[in-house]
C-alpha atoms as a PDB file:
ATOM      1  CA  MET A   1     144.272  62.460 141.286  1.00  0.00           C
ATOM      2  CA  LYS A   2     143.728  65.867 140.207  1.00  0.00           C
ATOM      3  CA  ILE A   3     141.348  64.720 137.760  1.00  0.00           C
ATOM      4  CA  LEU A   4     139.188  63.145 140.470  1.00  0.00           C
ATOM      5  CA  LYS A   5     139.321  66.523 142.635  1.00  0.00           C
ATOM      6  CA  LEU A   6     138.539  68.412 139.318  1.00  0.00           C
ATOM      7  CA  ALA A   7     135.626  66.601 138.717  1.00  0.00           C
ATOM      8  CA  THR A   8     134.338  66.732 141.945  1.00  0.00           C
ATOM      9  CA  ILE A   9     134.434  70.847 142.061  1.00  0.00           C
ATOM     10  CA  PHE A  10     132.444  70.781 138.226  1.00  0.00           C
ATOM     11  CA  ILE A  11     129.845  68.491 139.820  1.00  0.00           C
ATOM     12  CA  THR A  12     129.683  70.337 142.829  1.00  0.00           C
ATOM     13  CA  LEU A  13     129.512  73.636 141.129  1.00  0.00           C
ATOM     14  CA  ALA A  14     127.006  71.823 138.790  1.00  0.00           C
ATOM     15  CA  ALA A  15     124.838  71.201 141.735  1.00  0.00           C
ATOM     16  CA  LEU A  16     125.029  74.387 143.462  1.00  0.00           C
ATOM     17  CA  ALA A  17     123.873  76.143 140.208  1.00  0.00           C
ATOM     18  CA  THR A  18     120.821  73.707 139.534  1.00  0.00           C
ATOM     19  CA  ALA A  19     120.301  74.210 143.135  1.00  0.00           C
ATOM     20  CA  GLN A  20     120.060  78.014 142.536  1.00  0.00           C
ATOM     21  CA  GLY A  21     117.887  77.462 139.487  1.00  0.00           C
ATOM     22  CA  ARG A  22     115.361  75.795 141.558  1.00  0.00           C
ATOM     23  CA  ALA A  23     115.148  78.848 144.392  1.00  0.00           C
ATOM     24  CA  ARG A  24     115.011  81.201 141.864  1.00  0.00           C
ATOM     25  CA  GLU A  25     111.936  79.173 140.486  1.00  0.00           C
ATOM     26  CA  ALA A  26     110.191  78.996 143.939  1.00  0.00           C
ATOM     27  CA  VAL A  27     110.297  82.868 144.395  1.00  0.00           C
ATOM     28  CA  ALA A  28     107.497  83.450 141.450  1.00  0.00           C
ATOM     29  CA  VAL A  29     105.811  86.541 141.106  1.00  0.00           C
ATOM     30  CA  PRO A  30     102.558  86.528 142.635  1.00  0.00           C
ATOM     31  CA  ASP A  31      98.822  87.240 140.215  1.00  0.00           C
ATOM     32  CA  LEU A  32      97.345  90.393 140.757  1.00  0.00           C
ATOM     33  CA  LEU A  33      94.561  89.268 143.130  1.00  0.00           C
ATOM     34  CA  THR A  34      97.198  87.877 145.351  1.00  0.00           C
ATOM     35  CA  THR A  35      99.277  91.213 145.365  1.00  0.00           C
ATOM     36  CA  LEU A  36      96.644  93.295 146.159  1.00  0.00           C
ATOM     37  CA  ARG A  37      95.381  91.446 148.945  1.00  0.00           C
ATOM     38  CA  SER A  38      99.172  91.302 150.393  1.00  0.00           C
ATOM     39  CA  GLU A  39      99.260  95.530 150.211  1.00  0.00           C
ATOM     40  CA  ARG A  40      97.036  96.627 152.945  1.00  0.00           C
ATOM     41  CA  SER A  41      96.753 100.240 151.639  1.00  0.00           C
ATOM     42  CA  LEU A  42      94.654  98.320 149.104  1.00  0.00           C
ATOM     43  CA  ALA A  43      91.936  96.487 151.262  1.00  0.00           C
ATOM     44  CA  MET A  44      88.838  98.105 150.074  1.00  0.00           C
ATOM     45  CA  PHE A  45      90.293  97.428 147.006  1.00  0.00           C
ATOM     46  CA  VAL A  46      90.315  94.000 147.046  1.00  0.00           C
ATOM     47  CA  THR A  47      87.081  93.903 148.735  1.00  0.00           C
ATOM     48  CA  ALA A  48      85.404  95.651 146.076  1.00  0.00           C
ATOM     49  CA  VAL A  49      86.819  93.329 143.591  1.00  0.00           C
ATOM     50  CA  GLN A  50      85.616  90.518 145.461  1.00  0.00           C
ATOM     51  CA  SER A  51      81.877  91.940 145.636  1.00  0.00           C
ATOM     52  CA  SER A  52      81.978  92.527 141.607  1.00  0.00           C
ATOM     53  CA  GLY A  53      83.429  89.148 140.967  1.00  0.00           C
ATOM     54  CA  MET A  54      86.098  90.203 139.192  1.00  0.00           C
ATOM     55  CA  ALA A  55      88.109  88.008 142.027  1.00  0.00           C
ATOM     56  CA  LYS A  56      88.825  85.276 139.609  1.00  0.00           C
ATOM     57  CA  MET A  57      90.178  87.621 136.374  1.00  0.00           C
ATOM     58  CA  LEU A  58      92.512  89.224 138.282  1.00  0.00           C
ATOM     59  CA  ARG A  59      94.204  85.875 139.207  1.00  0.00           C
ATOM     60  CA  GLU A  60      93.696  84.064 136.600  1.00  0.00           C
ATOM     61  CA  GLU A  61      93.674  86.268 133.008  1.00  0.00           C
ATOM     62  CA  GLY A  62      96.640  88.371 131.972  1.00  0.00           C
ATOM     63  CA  PRO A  63      98.344  90.607 131.226  1.00  0.00           C
ATOM     64  CA  LEU A  64      96.234  93.516 132.870  1.00  0.00           C
ATOM     65  CA  THR A  65      97.053  96.782 134.371  1.00  0.00           C
ATOM     66  CA  VAL A  66      95.064  97.529 137.173  1.00  0.00           C
ATOM     67  CA  PHE A  67      94.427 101.196 138.447  1.00  0.00           C
ATOM     68  CA  ALA A  68      93.767 100.144 142.174  1.00  0.00           C
ATOM     69  CA  LEU A  69      91.786 102.944 144.024  1.00  0.00           C
ATOM     70  CA  SER A  70      93.621 103.344 147.691  1.00  0.00           C
ATOM     71  CA  ASN A  71      92.043 103.097 151.280  1.00  0.00           C
ATOM     72  CA  ARG A  72      92.144 106.638 151.417  1.00  0.00           C
ATOM     73  CA  ALA A  73      89.972 106.944 148.058  1.00  0.00           C
ATOM     74  CA  PHE A  74      86.930 104.684 149.746  1.00  0.00           C
ATOM     75  CA  ALA A  75      87.454 106.540 153.038  1.00  0.00           C
ATOM     76  CA  ASN A  76      86.425 109.959 151.306  1.00  0.00           C
ATOM     77  CA  LEU A  77      83.152 108.461 150.428  1.00  0.00           C
ATOM     78  CA  SER A  78      80.580 108.843 152.497  1.00  0.00           C
ATOM     79  CA  LYS A  79      79.338 105.555 154.506  1.00  0.00           C
ATOM     80  CA  GLU A  80      76.063 105.475 152.177  1.00  0.00           C
ATOM     81  CA  ASP A  81      77.837 105.710 149.091  1.00  0.00           C
ATOM     82  CA  ARG A  82      80.509 102.963 150.079  1.00  0.00           C
ATOM     83  CA  GLU A  83      78.232 100.543 151.383  1.00  0.00           C
ATOM     84  CA  ALA A  84      75.859 101.261 148.380  1.00  0.00           C
ATOM     85  CA  LEU A  85      78.564 100.557 146.083  1.00  0.00           C
ATOM     86  CA  LEU A  86      80.262  97.368 148.176  1.00  0.00           C
ATOM     87  CA  ASN A  87      76.596  95.925 148.116  1.00  0.00           C
ATOM     88  CA  ASP A  88      75.558  95.990 144.434  1.00  0.00           C
ATOM     89  CA  HIS A  89      77.469  93.867 142.646  1.00  0.00           C
ATOM     90  CA  GLY A  90      76.258  95.454 139.079  1.00  0.00           C
ATOM     91  CA  ALA A  91      77.736  98.712 140.190  1.00  0.00           C
ATOM     92  CA  MET A  92      80.774  97.804 141.368  1.00  0.00           C
ATOM     93  CA  ASN A  93      81.620  96.317 138.329  1.00  0.00           C
ATOM     94  CA  PHE A  94      80.968  98.962 136.008  1.00  0.00           C
ATOM     95  CA  LEU A  95      83.091 100.554 137.990  1.00  0.00           C
ATOM     96  CA  LEU A  96      85.941  98.246 138.494  1.00  0.00           C
ATOM     97  CA  ALA A  97      85.929  97.455 134.529  1.00  0.00           C
ATOM     98  CA  ARG A  98      86.846 101.210 134.067  1.00  0.00           C
ATOM     99  CA  TYR A  99      90.122 100.881 136.150  1.00  0.00           C
ATOM    100  CA  ILE A 100      91.362  97.933 134.561  1.00  0.00           C
ATOM    101  CA  ALA A 101      92.834  97.450 130.688  1.00  0.00           C
ATOM    102  CA  ARG A 102      93.955  94.733 129.091  1.00  0.00           C
ATOM    103  CA  GLY A 103      97.847  94.755 128.578  1.00  0.00           C
ATOM    104  CA  THR A 104     100.814  96.136 130.691  1.00  0.00           C
ATOM    105  CA  ILE A 105     100.997  99.445 130.854  1.00  0.00           C
ATOM    106  CA  PRO A 106     104.213 101.225 132.456  1.00  0.00           C
ATOM    107  CA  THR A 107     104.223 104.172 134.775  1.00  0.00           C
ATOM    108  CA  ASP A 108     106.891 106.108 132.660  1.00  0.00           C
ATOM    109  CA  ASP A 109     104.817 105.286 129.482  1.00  0.00           C
ATOM    110  CA  LEU A 110     102.026 107.941 129.747  1.00  0.00           C
ATOM    111  CA  ALA A 111     101.805 108.310 125.857  1.00  0.00           C
ATOM    112  CA  THR A 112     100.760 104.805 125.901  1.00  0.00           C
ATOM    113  CA  LEU A 113      98.511 105.070 128.445  1.00  0.00           C
ATOM    114  CA  GLN A 114      96.586 108.012 126.865  1.00  0.00           C
ATOM    115  CA  SER A 115      95.526 105.662 124.144  1.00  0.00           C
ATOM    116  CA  ALA A 116      94.743 102.724 126.323  1.00  0.00           C
ATOM    117  CA  ARG A 117      91.708 101.808 126.837  1.00  0.00           C
ATOM    118  CA  THR A 118      89.628 100.069 129.809  1.00  0.00           C
ATOM    119  CA  LEU A 119      87.811  96.377 129.660  1.00  0.00           C
ATOM    120  CA  VAL A 120      84.646  98.379 128.515  1.00  0.00           C
ATOM    121  CA  GLY A 121      86.387 100.356 125.922  1.00  0.00           C
ATOM    122  CA  VAL A 122      86.297 103.769 127.542  1.00  0.00           C
ATOM    123  CA  LYS A 123      89.977 105.722 127.194  1.00  0.00           C
ATOM    124  CA  PHE A 124      91.801 106.808 130.165  1.00  0.00           C
ATOM    125  CA  HIS A 125      92.011 110.149 130.683  1.00  0.00           C
ATOM    126  CA  VAL A 126      95.278 111.445 131.543  1.00  0.00           C
ATOM    127  CA  ASP A 127      96.824 114.762 132.860  1.00  0.00           C
ATOM    128  CA  ILE A 128     100.029 115.543 133.766  1.00  0.00           C
ATOM    129  CA  ARG A 129     101.004 118.281 136.236  1.00  0.00           C
ATOM    130  CA  GLY A 130     103.773 119.904 137.858  1.00  0.00           C
ATOM    131  CA  GLU A 131     102.896 117.884 141.131  1.00  0.00           C
ATOM    132  CA  GLY A 132     102.404 114.280 139.327  1.00  0.00           C
ATOM    133  CA  SER A 133     100.025 112.646 136.852  1.00  0.00           C
ATOM    134  CA  TYR A 134      96.298 112.135 137.016  1.00  0.00           C
ATOM    135  CA  VAL A 135      94.626 109.282 135.755  1.00  0.00           C
ATOM    136  CA  ASN A 136      90.839 109.588 135.515  1.00  0.00           C
ATOM    137  CA  GLY A 137      90.847 112.628 137.980  1.00  0.00           C
ATOM    138  CA  ALA A 138      92.954 110.561 140.610  1.00  0.00           C
ATOM    139  CA  LYS A 139      96.185 111.133 141.337  1.00  0.00           C
ATOM    140  CA  LEU A 140      98.649 108.358 140.231  1.00  0.00           C
ATOM    141  CA  SER A 141     101.101 106.993 142.701  1.00  0.00           C
ATOM    142  CA  ALA A 142     104.730 106.618 141.692  1.00  0.00           C
ATOM    143  CA  VAL A 143     104.864 103.331 142.681  1.00  0.00           C
ATOM    144  CA  GLU A 144     103.970 100.682 140.277  1.00  0.00           C
ATOM    145  CA  ILE A 145     103.403  96.950 141.424  1.00  0.00           C
ATOM    146  CA  ARG A 146     105.051  93.947 138.871  1.00  0.00           C
ATOM    147  CA  CYS A 147     103.280  90.841 138.936  1.00  0.00           C
ATOM    148  CA  SER A 148     102.880  87.781 136.882  1.00  0.00           C
ATOM    149  CA  ASN A 149      99.747  88.240 135.301  1.00  0.00           C
ATOM    150  CA  GLY A 150     100.271  92.243 135.010  1.00  0.00           C
ATOM    151  CA  VAL A 151     100.733  95.586 136.857  1.00  0.00           C
ATOM    152  CA  ILE A 152      99.148  97.713 139.594  1.00  0.00           C
ATOM    153  CA  HIS A 153      99.269 101.381 139.918  1.00  0.00           C
ATOM    154  CA  VAL A 154      97.547 102.719 142.628  1.00  0.00           C
ATOM    155  CA  LEU A 155      95.001 105.851 142.460  1.00  0.00           C
ATOM    156  CA  ASP A 156      93.957 108.014 145.463  1.00  0.00           C
ATOM    157  CA  SER A 157      90.521 108.554 144.740  1.00  0.00           C
ATOM    158  CA  PHE A 158      87.633 107.940 142.085  1.00  0.00           C
ATOM    159  CA  ASP A 159      87.102 109.620 139.416  1.00  0.00           C
ATOM    160  CA  PRO A 160      83.968 111.678 140.341  1.00  0.00           C
ATOM    161  CA  GLY A 161      81.645 111.298 137.065  1.00  0.00           C
ATOM    162  CA  LEU A 162      82.276 107.538 136.908  1.00  0.00           C
ATOM    163  CA  LEU A 163      81.881 107.525 140.653  1.00  0.00           C
ATOM    164  CA  HIS A 164      78.281 109.135 140.016  1.00  0.00           C
ATOM    165  CA  ASP A 165      77.326 107.123 137.377  1.00  0.00           C
ATOM    166  CA  ALA A 166      78.015 104.031 139.617  1.00  0.00           C
ATOM    167  CA  LEU A 167      75.798 105.632 142.545  1.00  0.00           C
ATOM    168  CA  ALA A 168      73.235 105.997 140.172  1.00  0.00           C
ATOM    169  CA  ILE A 169      72.992 102.584 138.998  1.00  0.00           C
ATOM    170  CA  SER A 170      73.046 101.351 142.449  1.00  0.00           C
ATOM    171  CA  ARG A 171      70.148 103.670 143.689  1.00  0.00           C
ATOM    172  CA  LYS A 172      68.092 102.251 140.360  1.00  0.00           C
ATOM    173  CA  LYS A 173      67.277  99.168 141.861  1.00  0.00           C
END
């Protein structure tokens, strides 16, 4: 009788452990695009990603590090500039390719960030100041969002030089 009770207890514990393991698997970490879509403060960046044609890449490729521009960054643009970028696939792709890098770059590893290159091979410019870290002239949020295929860092503004170049592309058309 004792053996039967012990066997029942072990079988029950094994079943619970298996069920718990399946529950952990079911709560998968979402991909970059899904995560970006879930963050309200990045809604304009999602629109930009979609208009640039990069949405599929952020869903399927990886690992990638995305420096996502906050809604505040887009709000600081003039309406004319914002619309020009969002309506020009090539200009937006030019711009966003300079905010995405292959590989995972953690926030606390700025030495790695200084040697990292964007999708188009441009090095990130990192500036560490008393009030925080800056990437390509924009303040880096302290929050790091981990995803199944990379990591997202949030920036509060555009790099003025990159923005100027992207707008120049848009205006030539």
